[in-house]
């Protein structure tokens, strides 16, 4: 994340408003800490630019007086320093979210900010693994660790990602209270959205094997998946385990923990699953997010067509 802007370029009133807004996002919208850090960086960067652009730190009254030309100047400045369309769209979204909150709390007119158009960019398609590659990845991490319990742990986590479509943060957020795994898991995902996820027998078996070998007690209030020192297993360690496995298997750099979740969705769609059900299983707030998997499926069909049809 970029370094924080100088604090004297943000007025005390704007800084206080930012902190209250971030607290609101954390408490009422259950925003993730990484999301909040990105929000803080984006909005602080915006207000720092406006301080330079307009000659002084911008208080709430000054922010209410922003014009369309000010927004265009900020976006041109961001492009000039090499910010890509996707990142700029994210920053603009954070700024708009902040200004909507200001409008509700401080009777501030946000029209100039809200009318700013986000730059167009090509959305990245999910990068799932092939079915055999997903199996091979789980097999590889189950044998590469020096300690049996660590190998069993890594395999259990990847089986949860691929078998239940969990985000890595959701899998590592499980506690001893979730064991033994039930027929269905209640997962609290992004934005505090709850969903029900069926648990396959193979997933139960993988987690049970890990628990049997784990040297740490499984207690209700403690993390289910532990690091070697007993603390909660970090996502970074799982990324490292997959990085080692994919190098051994000759898989691309896109073979990450999140790719196991992508694979869950894509393989369900390929097997005839409907988008609405897959949306619920993944915990997507919008069906349009899930629809990206139809593009993956179409791309796969076109590859087969181009490789097989005599006129292709």
Protein backbone atom coordinates (compact mmCIF):
# COMPACT_ATOMS: atom_id res chain seq x y z
CA UNK A 1 0.00 0.00 0.00
CA UNK A 2 1.23 3.52 -0.76
CA UNK A 3 2.67 5.55 2.09
CA UNK A 4 0.24 7.81 3.93
CA UNK A 5 0.02 11.42 2.73
CA UNK A 6 1.38 14.18 5.02
CA UNK A 7 -1.20 14.68 7.76
CA UNK A 8 -1.08 18.53 7.53
CA UNK A 9 -2.50 18.40 3.98
CA UNK A 10 -5.78 17.03 5.33
CA UNK A 11 -7.88 19.36 7.47
CA UNK A 12 -8.77 18.21 11.01
CA UNK A 13 -12.49 18.20 10.15
CA UNK A 14 -11.93 16.07 7.03
CA UNK A 15 -9.61 13.76 8.93
CA UNK A 16 -12.18 13.26 11.70
CA UNK A 17 -14.91 12.65 9.13
CA UNK A 18 -12.71 10.03 7.46
CA UNK A 19 -12.19 8.19 10.73
CA UNK A 20 -15.91 8.19 11.52
CA UNK A 21 -16.67 6.95 7.99
CA UNK A 22 -14.15 4.11 8.25
CA UNK A 23 -15.58 3.15 11.66
CA UNK A 24 -19.05 3.08 10.08
CA UNK A 25 -17.81 0.83 7.26
CA UNK A 26 -16.18 -1.50 9.78
CA UNK A 27 -19.07 -1.70 12.24
CA UNK A 28 -22.18 -1.60 10.05
CA UNK A 29 -20.94 -2.97 6.74
CA UNK A 30 -18.37 -5.44 8.11
CA UNK A 31 -15.72 -4.18 5.69
CA UNK A 32 -12.51 -6.21 5.75
CA UNK A 33 -9.39 -4.58 7.21
CA UNK A 34 -7.61 -4.69 3.84
CA UNK A 35 -10.60 -2.92 2.28
CA UNK A 36 -10.52 -0.25 4.97
CA UNK A 37 -6.79 0.32 4.45
CA UNK A 38 -7.38 0.73 0.72
CA UNK A 39 -10.28 3.14 1.39
CA UNK A 40 -8.15 5.22 3.74
CA UNK A 41 -5.25 5.39 1.30
CA UNK A 42 -7.45 6.27 -1.69
CA UNK A 43 -9.46 8.98 0.06
CA UNK A 44 -6.43 10.49 1.81
CA UNK A 45 -4.62 10.61 -1.55
CA UNK A 46 -7.61 12.35 -3.10
CA UNK A 47 -7.81 14.99 -0.37
CA UNK A 48 -4.05 15.55 -0.51
CA UNK A 49 -4.28 16.21 -4.24
CA UNK A 50 -7.14 18.65 -3.67
CA UNK A 51 -5.07 20.50 -1.06
CA UNK A 52 -2.29 21.02 -3.63
CA UNK A 53 -4.72 21.67 -6.46
CA UNK A 54 -6.75 24.30 -4.61
CA UNK A 55 -3.94 25.77 -2.55
CA UNK A 56 -4.89 24.69 0.98
CA UNK A 57 -6.21 21.73 3.02
CA UNK A 58 -9.85 21.17 2.18
CA UNK A 59 -12.37 21.32 5.02
CA UNK A 60 -15.88 19.94 4.70
CA UNK A 61 -17.24 23.21 3.30
CA UNK A 62 -14.51 23.28 0.66
CA UNK A 63 -15.17 19.63 -0.25
CA UNK A 64 -18.81 20.56 -0.76
CA UNK A 65 -17.70 23.09 -3.36
CA UNK A 66 -15.77 20.73 -5.62
CA UNK A 67 -16.50 21.04 -9.33
CA UNK A 68 -16.42 18.59 -12.19
CA UNK A 69 -13.19 20.22 -13.38
CA UNK A 70 -11.58 19.39 -10.02
CA UNK A 71 -12.49 15.73 -10.46
CA UNK A 72 -11.11 15.73 -14.00
CA UNK A 73 -7.87 17.30 -12.75
CA UNK A 74 -7.48 14.62 -10.06
CA UNK A 75 -8.11 11.78 -12.49
CA UNK A 76 -5.67 13.28 -15.02
CA UNK A 77 -3.07 13.59 -12.26
CA UNK A 78 -3.54 9.94 -11.27
CA UNK A 79 -3.16 8.80 -14.88
CA UNK A 80 -0.09 10.99 -15.24
CA UNK A 81 1.66 9.19 -12.41
CA UNK A 82 0.96 5.82 -13.98
CA UNK A 83 -2.17 4.68 -12.13
CA UNK A 84 -4.03 2.14 -14.27
CA UNK A 85 -7.71 2.22 -15.16
CA UNK A 86 -8.65 -0.55 -12.70
CA UNK A 87 -6.85 1.11 -9.78
CA UNK A 88 -8.25 4.53 -10.65
CA UNK A 89 -11.78 3.11 -10.82
CA UNK A 90 -11.25 1.59 -7.36
CA UNK A 91 -10.00 4.90 -5.96
CA UNK A 92 -12.95 6.78 -7.47
CA UNK A 93 -15.34 4.24 -5.98
CA UNK A 94 -13.81 4.81 -2.52
CA UNK A 95 -14.08 8.59 -2.91
CA UNK A 96 -17.72 8.32 -4.01
CA UNK A 97 -18.54 6.06 -1.07
CA UNK A 98 -16.99 8.59 1.31
CA UNK A 99 -18.89 11.50 -0.25
CA UNK A 100 -22.20 9.63 -0.08
CA UNK A 101 -21.57 9.17 3.63
CA UNK A 102 -20.68 12.87 3.97
CA UNK A 103 -23.90 13.81 2.18
CA UNK A 104 -25.95 11.82 4.69
CA UNK A 105 -24.13 13.01 7.80
CA UNK A 106 -23.08 16.58 6.98
CA UNK A 107 -25.65 17.72 4.42
CA UNK A 108 -22.88 17.98 1.83
CA UNK A 109 -23.67 18.24 -1.89
CA UNK A 110 -21.85 15.33 -3.60
CA UNK A 111 -23.10 15.77 -7.19
CA UNK A 112 -19.79 16.76 -8.81
CA UNK A 113 -18.05 13.76 -7.26
CA UNK A 114 -20.82 11.27 -7.95
CA UNK A 115 -21.11 12.33 -11.60
CA UNK A 116 -17.44 11.60 -12.26
CA UNK A 117 -17.25 8.67 -14.67
CA UNK A 118 -14.99 5.77 -13.87
CA UNK A 119 -12.49 4.82 -16.60
CA UNK A 120 -13.38 1.75 -18.59
CA UNK A 121 -11.26 -1.32 -18.11
CA UNK A 122 -11.43 -4.96 -19.10
CA UNK A 123 -12.47 -7.05 -16.16
CA UNK A 124 -10.14 -9.94 -15.45
CA UNK A 125 -11.72 -13.33 -15.90
CA UNK A 126 -11.34 -15.92 -13.16
CA UNK A 127 -8.37 -18.25 -13.67
CA UNK A 128 -9.54 -21.72 -12.64
CA UNK A 129 -7.46 -24.88 -12.76
CA UNK A 130 -8.39 -27.91 -14.78
CA UNK A 131 -10.09 -30.65 -12.76
CA UNK A 132 -7.00 -32.87 -12.86
CA UNK A 133 -4.76 -29.93 -11.92
CA UNK A 134 -6.94 -29.14 -8.89
CA UNK A 135 -6.63 -32.75 -7.73
CA UNK A 136 -2.89 -32.73 -8.41
CA UNK A 137 -2.45 -29.53 -6.41
CA UNK A 138 -4.12 -31.04 -3.34
CA UNK A 139 -2.05 -34.22 -3.71
CA UNK A 140 1.16 -32.21 -4.07
CA UNK A 141 0.68 -30.13 -0.91
CA UNK A 142 -0.26 -33.29 1.01
CA UNK A 143 3.24 -34.72 0.47
CA UNK A 144 5.67 -31.81 0.25
CA UNK A 145 5.79 -30.67 3.90
CA UNK A 146 8.38 -32.29 6.19
CA UNK A 147 5.91 -32.79 9.05
CA UNK A 148 2.90 -35.03 8.44
CA UNK A 149 0.48 -32.80 10.33
CA UNK A 150 1.51 -29.73 8.29
CA UNK A 151 1.02 -31.66 5.04
CA UNK A 152 -2.41 -32.83 6.25
CA UNK A 153 -3.29 -29.26 7.25
CA UNK A 154 -2.38 -27.82 3.85
CA UNK A 155 -4.35 -30.51 2.05
CA UNK A 156 -7.37 -29.92 4.30
CA UNK A 157 -7.35 -26.18 3.63
CA UNK A 158 -7.15 -26.62 -0.15
CA UNK A 159 -9.88 -29.26 -0.03
CA UNK A 160 -12.10 -26.71 1.74
CA UNK A 161 -11.37 -24.10 -0.92
CA UNK A 162 -12.06 -26.46 -3.80
CA UNK A 163 -14.78 -28.58 -2.19
CA UNK A 164 -16.78 -25.74 -0.60
CA UNK A 165 -15.75 -22.69 -2.63
CA UNK A 166 -14.51 -20.84 0.45
CA UNK A 167 -12.31 -17.77 0.34
CA UNK A 168 -8.95 -18.39 1.99
CA UNK A 169 -9.88 -15.94 4.78
CA UNK A 170 -13.10 -17.88 5.40
CA UNK A 171 -11.32 -21.23 5.62
CA UNK A 172 -8.65 -19.88 7.96
CA UNK A 173 -11.34 -18.16 10.02
CA UNK A 174 -12.86 -21.49 11.10
CA UNK A 175 -12.47 -22.34 14.78
CA UNK A 176 -12.54 -25.47 16.86
CA UNK A 177 -16.27 -24.88 17.32
CA UNK A 178 -16.73 -25.76 13.63
CA UNK A 179 -15.26 -29.24 14.15
CA UNK A 180 -16.33 -31.89 13.40
CA UNK A 181 -17.54 -30.34 10.17
CA UNK A 182 -21.34 -30.53 9.85
CA UNK A 183 -23.32 -31.43 6.74
CA UNK A 184 -23.50 -27.72 5.95
CA UNK A 185 -21.31 -24.82 7.07
CA UNK A 186 -22.66 -21.38 7.89
CA UNK A 187 -20.11 -18.95 6.53
CA UNK A 188 -20.03 -15.21 7.20
CA UNK A 189 -18.45 -13.71 4.10
CA UNK A 190 -17.78 -10.24 2.75
CA UNK A 191 -20.06 -7.53 4.05
CA UNK A 192 -21.32 -9.80 6.82
CA UNK A 193 -23.30 -11.83 4.27
CA UNK A 194 -24.17 -15.28 5.60
CA UNK A 195 -24.43 -18.31 3.33
CA UNK A 196 -24.94 -22.04 3.66
CA UNK A 197 -22.30 -24.28 2.10
CA UNK A 198 -22.67 -28.09 1.77
CA UNK A 199 -19.68 -30.07 3.01
CA UNK A 200 -18.56 -33.05 0.94
CA UNK A 201 -17.50 -36.27 2.70
CA UNK A 202 -14.01 -35.95 1.22
CA UNK A 203 -13.70 -32.54 2.87
CA UNK A 204 -14.73 -33.94 6.24
CA UNK A 205 -12.18 -36.73 5.87
CA UNK A 206 -9.37 -34.31 4.98
CA UNK A 207 -10.10 -32.05 7.96
CA UNK A 208 -10.47 -35.04 10.32
CA UNK A 209 -7.07 -36.37 9.25
CA UNK A 210 -5.49 -33.00 9.97
CA UNK A 211 -7.16 -32.80 13.40
CA UNK A 212 -5.95 -36.30 14.27
CA UNK A 213 -2.34 -35.35 13.50
CA UNK A 214 -2.40 -31.76 14.78
CA UNK A 215 -0.18 -31.35 17.88
CA UNK A 216 -2.34 -28.54 19.26
CA UNK A 217 -5.65 -28.98 21.12
CA UNK A 218 -8.80 -28.25 19.12
CA UNK A 219 -10.74 -25.82 21.31
CA UNK A 220 -13.93 -23.98 20.44
CA UNK A 221 -12.56 -20.47 20.79
CA UNK A 222 -9.23 -21.15 19.04
CA UNK A 223 -8.42 -21.30 15.30
CA UNK A 224 -8.98 -24.67 13.66
CA UNK A 225 -5.96 -24.31 11.39
CA UNK A 226 -2.69 -23.56 13.17
CA UNK A 227 0.79 -22.49 12.22
CA UNK A 228 3.78 -24.42 13.53
CA UNK A 229 3.87 -22.23 16.66
CA UNK A 230 0.19 -22.67 17.41
CA UNK A 231 -1.12 -19.33 16.19
CA UNK A 232 -3.70 -18.95 13.43
CA UNK A 233 -2.42 -20.19 10.08
CA UNK A 234 -1.72 -17.26 7.76
CA UNK A 235 -2.84 -16.95 4.16
CA UNK A 236 0.77 -16.21 3.22
CA UNK A 237 1.88 -19.68 4.31
CA UNK A 238 -0.81 -21.30 2.17
CA UNK A 239 0.25 -19.16 -0.78
CA UNK A 240 3.83 -20.27 -0.22
CA UNK A 241 2.77 -23.94 -0.09
CA UNK A 242 0.86 -23.60 -3.36
CA UNK A 243 3.74 -21.73 -4.97
CA UNK A 244 6.06 -24.63 -4.22
CA UNK A 245 3.50 -27.18 -5.44
CA UNK A 246 2.73 -25.37 -8.70
CA UNK A 247 6.44 -25.13 -9.53
CA UNK A 248 6.72 -28.87 -9.00
CA UNK A 249 3.64 -29.50 -11.17
CA UNK A 250 4.56 -26.98 -13.86
CA UNK A 251 1.38 -24.94 -13.30
CA UNK A 252 1.16 -21.18 -14.01
CA UNK A 253 1.51 -18.42 -11.43
CA UNK A 254 -2.29 -18.05 -11.46
CA UNK A 255 -2.55 -21.32 -9.50
CA UNK A 256 -3.20 -19.61 -6.17
CA UNK A 257 -5.51 -20.37 -3.22
CA UNK A 258 -8.16 -18.15 -4.79
CA UNK A 259 -7.88 -20.17 -8.02
CA UNK A 260 -9.16 -23.18 -6.06
CA UNK A 261 -12.34 -21.21 -5.32
CA UNK A 262 -12.55 -20.19 -8.98
CA UNK A 263 -12.17 -23.86 -9.91
CA UNK A 264 -15.03 -24.82 -7.59
CA UNK A 265 -17.36 -22.41 -9.42
CA UNK A 266 -16.18 -23.20 -12.94
CA UNK A 267 -16.35 -26.95 -12.50
CA UNK A 268 -19.86 -26.70 -11.05
CA UNK A 269 -20.93 -24.62 -14.04
CA UNK A 270 -19.34 -27.07 -16.49
CA UNK A 271 -21.23 -29.91 -14.79
CA UNK A 272 -24.57 -28.18 -15.30
CA UNK A 273 -24.91 -26.06 -12.16
CA UNK A 274 -27.06 -22.94 -12.53
CA UNK A 275 -25.63 -19.49 -11.95
CA UNK A 276 -28.07 -18.50 -9.22
CA UNK A 277 -27.13 -21.50 -7.08
CA UNK A 278 -23.43 -20.94 -7.69
CA UNK A 279 -23.90 -17.30 -6.70
CA UNK A 280 -25.36 -18.39 -3.37
CA UNK A 281 -22.60 -20.93 -2.76
CA UNK A 282 -19.89 -18.36 -3.47
CA UNK A 283 -21.58 -15.60 -1.47
CA UNK A 284 -21.51 -13.08 -4.32
CA UNK A 285 -23.69 -10.05 -3.64
CA UNK A 286 -24.38 -9.60 -7.36
CA UNK A 287 -25.16 -12.18 -10.01
CA UNK A 288 -23.02 -10.17 -12.44
CA UNK A 289 -19.94 -11.21 -10.46
CA UNK A 290 -20.83 -14.87 -10.86
CA UNK A 291 -21.58 -14.39 -14.56
CA UNK A 292 -17.85 -13.98 -15.19
CA UNK A 293 -17.70 -17.77 -15.06
CA UNK A 294 -19.91 -18.04 -18.13
CA UNK A 295 -17.21 -16.15 -20.04
CA UNK A 296 -14.65 -18.67 -18.80
CA UNK A 297 -16.88 -21.52 -19.96
CA UNK A 298 -17.46 -19.87 -23.35
CA UNK A 299 -13.72 -19.33 -23.79
CA UNK A 300 -13.12 -23.01 -23.04
CA UNK A 301 -15.75 -24.07 -25.60
CA UNK A 302 -14.21 -21.80 -28.23
CA UNK A 303 -10.79 -23.30 -27.59
CA UNK A 304 -12.21 -26.77 -28.17
CA UNK A 305 -14.06 -25.54 -31.29
CA UNK A 306 -10.98 -23.87 -32.77
CA UNK A 307 -8.80 -26.88 -32.06
CA UNK A 308 -11.30 -29.44 -33.40
CA UNK A 309 -13.41 -27.98 -36.20
CA UNK A 310 -11.92 -28.64 -39.68
CA UNK A 311 -12.94 -25.14 -40.86
CA UNK A 312 -11.67 -23.32 -37.77
